Amino acid sequence: MAKLRMFVAALAALFSFGLASAPANAAKLYVDNKLGEVSAAQRLATASPRPVQVVFEFQTDGVRNEKATKFAKPLALKALGAMSYFSSISEAPVEGGSLLTVRINNIPEKGAAGKGFKVGLTFGLAGTSVVDNYDVTLQLSPAAGAAPLSAEVKHAIITTLGKKSDPSFGTEYKKAPDAVEAMMRQAMDHGLNQMAANPGFPGK
């Protein structure tokens, strides 16, 4: 008899369910395509990028989630380090006093656990999906004492259970860390690109 195994994958509210009985029951992760990547035509250049200190926090329903912060922070720092808005990123104070605060608040769909249990009992025949919404808030202090810049971006990851792959949900990722990194990269990139339009952005 197949066993239902439910686990919260890496981030406390990113649900992945699976049954040992059949591959059809494996969870599939999709990053919503509504936001997408910042295109070359959209991207704003920073003439003289400067270093920035980064403070990162991951929340679940508005409450700091220590385990999720520990898991997601290296992914967020990696994504930020690959962007061209700053010359370097650091968790320690930097010359000039530039400070970027990133807060990601996960708002999981209510009743998600019950959906997973239903799929388990029906051996995957009753496919369903769970949506994890993310409110991504960025605040940038260009220098000590300078007026901060801010941006808010919404994103989502969809987890399907007992369903075939379906591109209408978004871009599919095989592993939860890859989906989470893509979600954060896209949201932070869009937020920083919005702020880069401000003449007060560091290095403009």
C-alpha atoms as a PDB file:
ATOM      1  CA  MET A   1       0.000   0.000   0.000  1.00  0.00           C
ATOM      2  CA  ALA A   2       1.378   3.359  -0.969  1.00  0.00           C
ATOM      3  CA  LYS A   3       2.422   5.763   1.755  1.00  0.00           C
ATOM      4  CA  LEU A   4       1.706   9.445   1.663  1.00  0.00           C
ATOM      5  CA  ARG A   5       4.731  11.496   2.581  1.00  0.00           C
ATOM      6  CA  MET A   6       4.196  15.194   3.088  1.00  0.00           C
ATOM      7  CA  PHE A   7       7.082  17.530   3.611  1.00  0.00           C
ATOM      8  CA  VAL A   8       7.601  21.255   3.564  1.00  0.00           C
ATOM      9  CA  ALA A   9      10.511  21.692   1.148  1.00  0.00           C
ATOM     10  CA  ALA A  10      13.207  24.085   2.354  1.00  0.00           C
ATOM     11  CA  LEU A  11      10.921  27.084   2.734  1.00  0.00           C
ATOM     12  CA  ALA A  12       8.330  26.567   5.412  1.00  0.00           C
ATOM     13  CA  ALA A  13       5.370  27.292   3.169  1.00  0.00           C
ATOM     14  CA  LEU A  14       6.551  25.889  -0.165  1.00  0.00           C
ATOM     15  CA  PHE A  15       4.636  22.596  -0.184  1.00  0.00           C
ATOM     16  CA  SER A  16       5.813  19.475  -2.006  1.00  0.00           C
ATOM     17  CA  PHE A  17       3.829  16.240  -1.751  1.00  0.00           C
ATOM     18  CA  GLY A  18       4.650  12.842  -3.164  1.00  0.00           C
ATOM     19  CA  LEU A  19       3.686   9.161  -3.089  1.00  0.00           C
ATOM     20  CA  ALA A  20       6.129   6.313  -3.441  1.00  0.00           C
ATOM     21  CA  SER A  21       3.637   4.427  -5.613  1.00  0.00           C
ATOM     22  CA  ALA A  22       3.692   6.372  -8.889  1.00  0.00           C
ATOM     23  CA  PRO A  23       5.679   9.127 -10.628  1.00  0.00           C
ATOM     24  CA  ALA A  24       2.398  10.833 -11.584  1.00  0.00           C
ATOM     25  CA  ASN A  25       2.034  11.895  -7.969  1.00  0.00           C
ATOM     26  CA  ALA A  26       5.293  13.840  -7.866  1.00  0.00           C
ATOM     27  CA  ALA A  27       4.956  17.555  -7.153  1.00  0.00           C
ATOM     28  CA  LYS A  28       5.830  19.905  -9.996  1.00  0.00           C
ATOM     29  CA  LEU A  29       7.034  23.437  -9.341  1.00  0.00           C
ATOM     30  CA  TYR A  30       6.315  26.400 -11.604  1.00  0.00           C
ATOM     31  CA  VAL A  31       7.463  30.010 -11.345  1.00  0.00           C
ATOM     32  CA  ASP A  32       4.649  32.271 -12.520  1.00  0.00           C
ATOM     33  CA  ASN A  33       5.415  33.845 -15.910  1.00  0.00           C
ATOM     34  CA  LYS A  34       3.453  37.048 -15.296  1.00  0.00           C
ATOM     35  CA  LEU A  35       6.587  38.818 -14.051  1.00  0.00           C
ATOM     36  CA  GLY A  36       9.346  37.070 -16.002  1.00  0.00           C
ATOM     37  CA  GLU A  37      12.908  38.227 -16.531  1.00  0.00           C
ATOM     38  CA  VAL A  38      13.916  41.880 -17.012  1.00  0.00           C
ATOM     39  CA  SER A  39      14.543  42.192 -20.745  1.00  0.00           C
ATOM     40  CA  ALA A  40      17.541  43.947 -22.286  1.00  0.00           C
ATOM     41  CA  ALA A  41      15.202  46.667 -23.560  1.00  0.00           C
ATOM     42  CA  GLN A  42      13.784  47.231 -20.053  1.00  0.00           C
ATOM     43  CA  ARG A  43      17.079  47.186 -18.168  1.00  0.00           C
ATOM     44  CA  LEU A  44      18.429  50.518 -16.944  1.00  0.00           C
ATOM     45  CA  ALA A  45      22.201  50.955 -16.826  1.00  0.00           C
ATOM     46  CA  THR A  46      24.134  52.140 -13.793  1.00  0.00           C
ATOM     47  CA  ALA A  47      27.031  54.294 -15.006  1.00  0.00           C
ATOM     48  CA  SER A  48      29.343  53.775 -12.014  1.00  0.00           C
ATOM     49  CA  PRO A  49      28.104  50.888  -9.850  1.00  0.00           C
ATOM     50  CA  ARG A  50      28.978  51.145  -6.141  1.00  0.00           C
ATOM     51  CA  PRO A  51      29.169  48.560  -3.355  1.00  0.00           C
ATOM     52  CA  VAL A  52      26.152  47.880  -1.170  1.00  0.00           C
ATOM     53  CA  GLN A  53      25.473  46.181   2.138  1.00  0.00           C
ATOM     54  CA  VAL A  54      22.574  43.702   1.991  1.00  0.00           C
ATOM     55  CA  VAL A  55      20.223  42.779   4.820  1.00  0.00           C
ATOM     56  CA  PHE A  56      17.891  39.895   3.948  1.00  0.00           C
ATOM     57  CA  GLU A  57      14.808  38.514   5.682  1.00  0.00           C
ATOM     58  CA  PHE A  58      12.284  35.860   4.700  1.00  0.00           C
ATOM     59  CA  GLN A  59       8.856  35.916   6.306  1.00  0.00           C
ATOM     60  CA  THR A  60       5.833  33.626   6.342  1.00  0.00           C
ATOM     61  CA  ASP A  61       2.550  35.491   6.683  1.00  0.00           C
ATOM     62  CA  GLY A  62       4.429  38.574   7.918  1.00  0.00           C
ATOM     63  CA  VAL A  63       6.434  36.764  10.614  1.00  0.00           C
ATOM     64  CA  ARG A  64      10.196  36.247  10.311  1.00  0.00           C
ATOM     65  CA  ASN A  65      10.957  32.641   9.377  1.00  0.00           C
ATOM     66  CA  GLU A  66      14.455  31.775  10.607  1.00  0.00           C
ATOM     67  CA  LYS A  67      14.794  28.463   8.744  1.00  0.00           C
ATOM     68  CA  ALA A  68      13.561  29.945   5.480  1.00  0.00           C
ATOM     69  CA  THR A  69      15.831  32.990   5.894  1.00  0.00           C
ATOM     70  CA  LYS A  70      18.837  30.717   6.417  1.00  0.00           C
ATOM     71  CA  PHE A  71      17.933  28.696   3.326  1.00  0.00           C
ATOM     72  CA  ALA A  72      16.982  31.559   1.000  1.00  0.00           C
ATOM     73  CA  LYS A  73      19.622  34.166   1.892  1.00  0.00           C
ATOM     74  CA  PRO A  74      22.544  32.523   0.040  1.00  0.00           C
ATOM     75  CA  LEU A  75      20.333  32.150  -3.044  1.00  0.00           C
ATOM     76  CA  ALA A  76      19.301  35.794  -2.871  1.00  0.00           C
ATOM     77  CA  LEU A  77      22.890  37.008  -2.379  1.00  0.00           C
ATOM     78  CA  LYS A  78      24.041  34.871  -5.311  1.00  0.00           C
ATOM     79  CA  ALA A  79      21.346  36.372  -7.531  1.00  0.00           C
ATOM     80  CA  LEU A  80      22.113  39.938  -6.425  1.00  0.00           C
ATOM     81  CA  GLY A  81      25.843  39.417  -6.970  1.00  0.00           C
ATOM     82  CA  ALA A  82      25.218  38.476 -10.604  1.00  0.00           C
ATOM     83  CA  MET A  83      23.306  41.712 -11.295  1.00  0.00           C
ATOM     84  CA  SER A  84      24.925  44.892 -12.588  1.00  0.00           C
ATOM     85  CA  TYR A  85      23.332  47.431 -10.244  1.00  0.00           C
ATOM     86  CA  PHE A  86      26.205  47.321  -7.718  1.00  0.00           C
ATOM     87  CA  SER A  87      29.967  46.836  -7.969  1.00  0.00           C
ATOM     88  CA  SER A  88      29.867  44.344  -5.093  1.00  0.00           C
ATOM     89  CA  ILE A  89      27.553  43.143  -2.336  1.00  0.00           C
ATOM     90  CA  SER A  90      28.396  42.475   1.297  1.00  0.00           C
ATOM     91  CA  GLU A  91      26.652  41.601   4.539  1.00  0.00           C
ATOM     92  CA  ALA A  92      28.991  44.027   6.309  1.00  0.00           C
ATOM     93  CA  PRO A  93      28.873  47.845   6.053  1.00  0.00           C
ATOM     94  CA  VAL A  94      30.481  49.225   2.888  1.00  0.00           C
ATOM     95  CA  GLU A  95      32.264  52.425   1.975  1.00  0.00           C
ATOM     96  CA  GLY A  96      29.697  55.139   1.301  1.00  0.00           C
ATOM     97  CA  GLY A  97      27.107  53.558   3.582  1.00  0.00           C
ATOM     98  CA  SER A  98      24.809  52.184   0.864  1.00  0.00           C
ATOM     99  CA  LEU A  99      22.346  49.701   2.370  1.00  0.00           C
ATOM    100  CA  LEU A 100      19.835  47.418   0.616  1.00  0.00           C
ATOM    101  CA  THR A 101      17.154  45.708   2.694  1.00  0.00           C
ATOM    102  CA  VAL A 102      15.308  42.816   1.058  1.00  0.00           C
ATOM    103  CA  ARG A 103      12.201  41.363   2.688  1.00  0.00           C
ATOM    104  CA  ILE A 104      10.339  38.469   1.099  1.00  0.00           C
ATOM    105  CA  ASN A 105       6.974  37.620   2.642  1.00  0.00           C
ATOM    106  CA  ASN A 106       5.499  34.261   1.632  1.00  0.00           C
ATOM    107  CA  ILE A 107       1.703  34.123   1.791  1.00  0.00           C
ATOM    108  CA  PRO A 108       0.826  30.430   1.318  1.00  0.00           C
ATOM    109  CA  GLU A 109      -2.553  29.375   0.016  1.00  0.00           C
ATOM    110  CA  LYS A 110      -4.911  28.451   2.830  1.00  0.00           C
ATOM    111  CA  GLY A 111      -5.816  24.781   3.009  1.00  0.00           C
ATOM    112  CA  ALA A 112      -2.765  23.655   1.026  1.00  0.00           C
ATOM    113  CA  ALA A 113      -2.028  20.741   3.371  1.00  0.00           C
ATOM    114  CA  GLY A 114      -5.548  19.415   2.936  1.00  0.00           C
ATOM    115  CA  LYS A 115      -5.170  19.496  -0.828  1.00  0.00           C
ATOM    116  CA  GLY A 116      -2.028  17.367  -0.591  1.00  0.00           C
ATOM    117  CA  PHE A 117      -3.755  14.805   1.600  1.00  0.00           C
ATOM    118  CA  LYS A 118      -6.648  14.565  -0.882  1.00  0.00           C
ATOM    119  CA  VAL A 119      -4.243  13.837  -3.718  1.00  0.00           C
ATOM    120  CA  GLY A 120      -2.558  11.161  -1.611  1.00  0.00           C
ATOM    121  CA  LEU A 121      -5.774   9.338  -0.798  1.00  0.00           C
ATOM    122  CA  THR A 122      -6.847   9.311  -4.446  1.00  0.00           C
ATOM    123  CA  PHE A 123      -3.434   8.054  -5.629  1.00  0.00           C
ATOM    124  CA  GLY A 124      -2.947  11.188  -7.707  1.00  0.00           C
ATOM    125  CA  LEU A 125      -6.164  10.898  -9.690  1.00  0.00           C
ATOM    126  CA  ALA A 126      -7.553  14.095  -8.166  1.00  0.00           C
ATOM    127  CA  GLY A 127      -4.872  16.501  -9.327  1.00  0.00           C
ATOM    128  CA  THR A 128      -4.735  19.904  -7.744  1.00  0.00           C
ATOM    129  CA  SER A 129      -2.490  22.931  -7.424  1.00  0.00           C
ATOM    130  CA  VAL A 130      -1.246  25.143  -4.599  1.00  0.00           C
ATOM    131  CA  VAL A 131      -0.182  28.764  -5.003  1.00  0.00           C
ATOM    132  CA  ASP A 132       2.488  30.401  -2.840  1.00  0.00           C
ATOM    133  CA  ASN A 133       2.334  34.181  -3.231  1.00  0.00           C
ATOM    134  CA  TYR A 134       5.354  36.352  -2.446  1.00  0.00           C
ATOM    135  CA  ASP A 135       5.412  40.039  -1.585  1.00  0.00           C
ATOM    136  CA  VAL A 136       8.983  41.231  -2.208  1.00  0.00           C
ATOM    137  CA  THR A 137       9.909  44.589  -0.665  1.00  0.00           C
ATOM    138  CA  LEU A 138      13.220  46.317  -1.361  1.00  0.00           C
ATOM    139  CA  GLN A 139      14.476  49.458   0.353  1.00  0.00           C
ATOM    140  CA  LEU A 140      17.734  51.096  -0.651  1.00  0.00           C
ATOM    141  CA  SER A 141      19.529  53.807   1.303  1.00  0.00           C
ATOM    142  CA  PRO A 142      21.974  55.238  -1.274  1.00  0.00           C
ATOM    143  CA  ALA A 143      24.241  56.630   1.472  1.00  0.00           C
ATOM    144  CA  ALA A 144      24.220  57.310   5.192  1.00  0.00           C
ATOM    145  CA  GLY A 145      21.517  59.872   5.877  1.00  0.00           C
ATOM    146  CA  ALA A 146      20.159  59.869   2.303  1.00  0.00           C
ATOM    147  CA  ALA A 147      16.464  59.469   1.581  1.00  0.00           C
ATOM    148  CA  PRO A 148      15.686  55.789   0.889  1.00  0.00           C
ATOM    149  CA  LEU A 149      14.327  54.406  -2.372  1.00  0.00           C
ATOM    150  CA  SER A 150      11.815  51.578  -2.299  1.00  0.00           C
ATOM    151  CA  ALA A 151       9.998  49.111  -4.530  1.00  0.00           C
ATOM    152  CA  GLU A 152       7.433  46.368  -4.013  1.00  0.00           C
ATOM    153  CA  VAL A 153       7.036  43.411  -6.362  1.00  0.00           C
ATOM    154  CA  LYS A 154       4.583  40.497  -6.256  1.00  0.00           C
ATOM    155  CA  HIS A 155       5.446  37.020  -7.503  1.00  0.00           C
ATOM    156  CA  ALA A 156       4.221  33.432  -7.148  1.00  0.00           C
ATOM    157  CA  ILE A 157       5.281  29.795  -7.247  1.00  0.00           C
ATOM    158  CA  ILE A 158       2.676  27.173  -8.175  1.00  0.00           C
ATOM    159  CA  THR A 159       3.012  23.591  -6.969  1.00  0.00           C
ATOM    160  CA  THR A 160       0.914  21.012  -8.805  1.00  0.00           C
ATOM    161  CA  LEU A 161       0.061  17.632  -7.329  1.00  0.00           C
ATOM    162  CA  GLY A 162      -1.054  14.658  -9.383  1.00  0.00           C
ATOM    163  CA  LYS A 163      -1.088  16.695 -12.602  1.00  0.00           C
ATOM    164  CA  LYS A 164       0.825  16.346 -15.849  1.00  0.00           C
ATOM    165  CA  SER A 165       3.318  19.064 -16.767  1.00  0.00           C
ATOM    166  CA  ASP A 166       1.438  22.121 -17.953  1.00  0.00           C
ATOM    167  CA  PRO A 167       3.262  25.262 -19.205  1.00  0.00           C
ATOM    168  CA  SER A 168       0.141  27.337 -18.587  1.00  0.00           C
ATOM    169  CA  PHE A 169       1.121  27.389 -14.893  1.00  0.00           C
ATOM    170  CA  GLY A 170       4.481  29.031 -15.646  1.00  0.00           C
ATOM    171  CA  THR A 171       8.084  27.888 -16.087  1.00  0.00           C
ATOM    172  CA  GLU A 172       8.651  24.458 -14.577  1.00  0.00           C
ATOM    173  CA  TYR A 173      11.627  23.764 -12.293  1.00  0.00           C
ATOM    174  CA  LYS A 174      12.667  20.298 -11.180  1.00  0.00           C
ATOM    175  CA  LYS A 175      14.077  21.377  -7.814  1.00  0.00           C
ATOM    176  CA  ALA A 176      12.597  23.668  -5.150  1.00  0.00           C
ATOM    177  CA  PRO A 177      15.835  25.683  -4.631  1.00  0.00           C
ATOM    178  CA  ASP A 178      15.969  26.465  -8.369  1.00  0.00           C
ATOM    179  CA  ALA A 179      12.351  27.650  -8.375  1.00  0.00           C
ATOM    180  CA  VAL A 180      12.895  29.782  -5.266  1.00  0.00           C
ATOM    181  CA  GLU A 181      16.077  31.325  -6.673  1.00  0.00           C
ATOM    182  CA  ALA A 182      14.341  32.150  -9.976  1.00  0.00           C
ATOM    183  CA  MET A 183      11.392  33.732  -8.157  1.00  0.00           C
ATOM    184  CA  MET A 184      13.665  35.889  -5.987  1.00  0.00           C
ATOM    185  CA  ARG A 185      15.968  36.850  -8.859  1.00  0.00           C
ATOM    186  CA  GLN A 186      13.114  38.008 -11.052  1.00  0.00           C
ATOM    187  CA  ALA A 187      11.392  39.939  -8.257  1.00  0.00           C
ATOM    188  CA  MET A 188      14.578  41.633  -7.008  1.00  0.00           C
ATOM    189  CA  ASP A 189      15.708  42.442 -10.556  1.00  0.00           C
ATOM    190  CA  HIS A 190      12.400  44.123 -11.375  1.00  0.00           C
ATOM    191  CA  GLY A 191      12.416  46.026  -8.081  1.00  0.00           C
ATOM    192  CA  LEU A 192      15.980  47.277  -8.467  1.00  0.00           C
ATOM    193  CA  ASN A 193      15.352  48.191 -12.088  1.00  0.00           C
ATOM    194  CA  GLN A 194      12.407  50.333 -10.953  1.00  0.00           C
ATOM    195  CA  MET A 195      14.631  52.103  -8.412  1.00  0.00           C
ATOM    196  CA  ALA A 196      17.455  52.542 -10.939  1.00  0.00           C
ATOM    197  CA  ALA A 197      15.210  55.011 -12.790  1.00  0.00           C
ATOM    198  CA  ASN A 198      15.576  57.388  -9.825  1.00  0.00           C
ATOM    199  CA  PRO A 199      18.472  59.881 -10.152  1.00  0.00           C
ATOM    200  CA  GLY A 200      19.289  59.213  -6.494  1.00  0.00           C
ATOM    201  CA  PHE A 201      20.224  55.598  -7.207  1.00  0.00           C
ATOM    202  CA  PRO A 202      23.909  54.974  -6.264  1.00  0.00           C
ATOM    203  CA  GLY A 203      26.221  55.371  -9.254  1.00  0.00           C
ATOM    204  CA  LYS A 204      23.703  57.107 -11.533  1.00  0.00           C
END
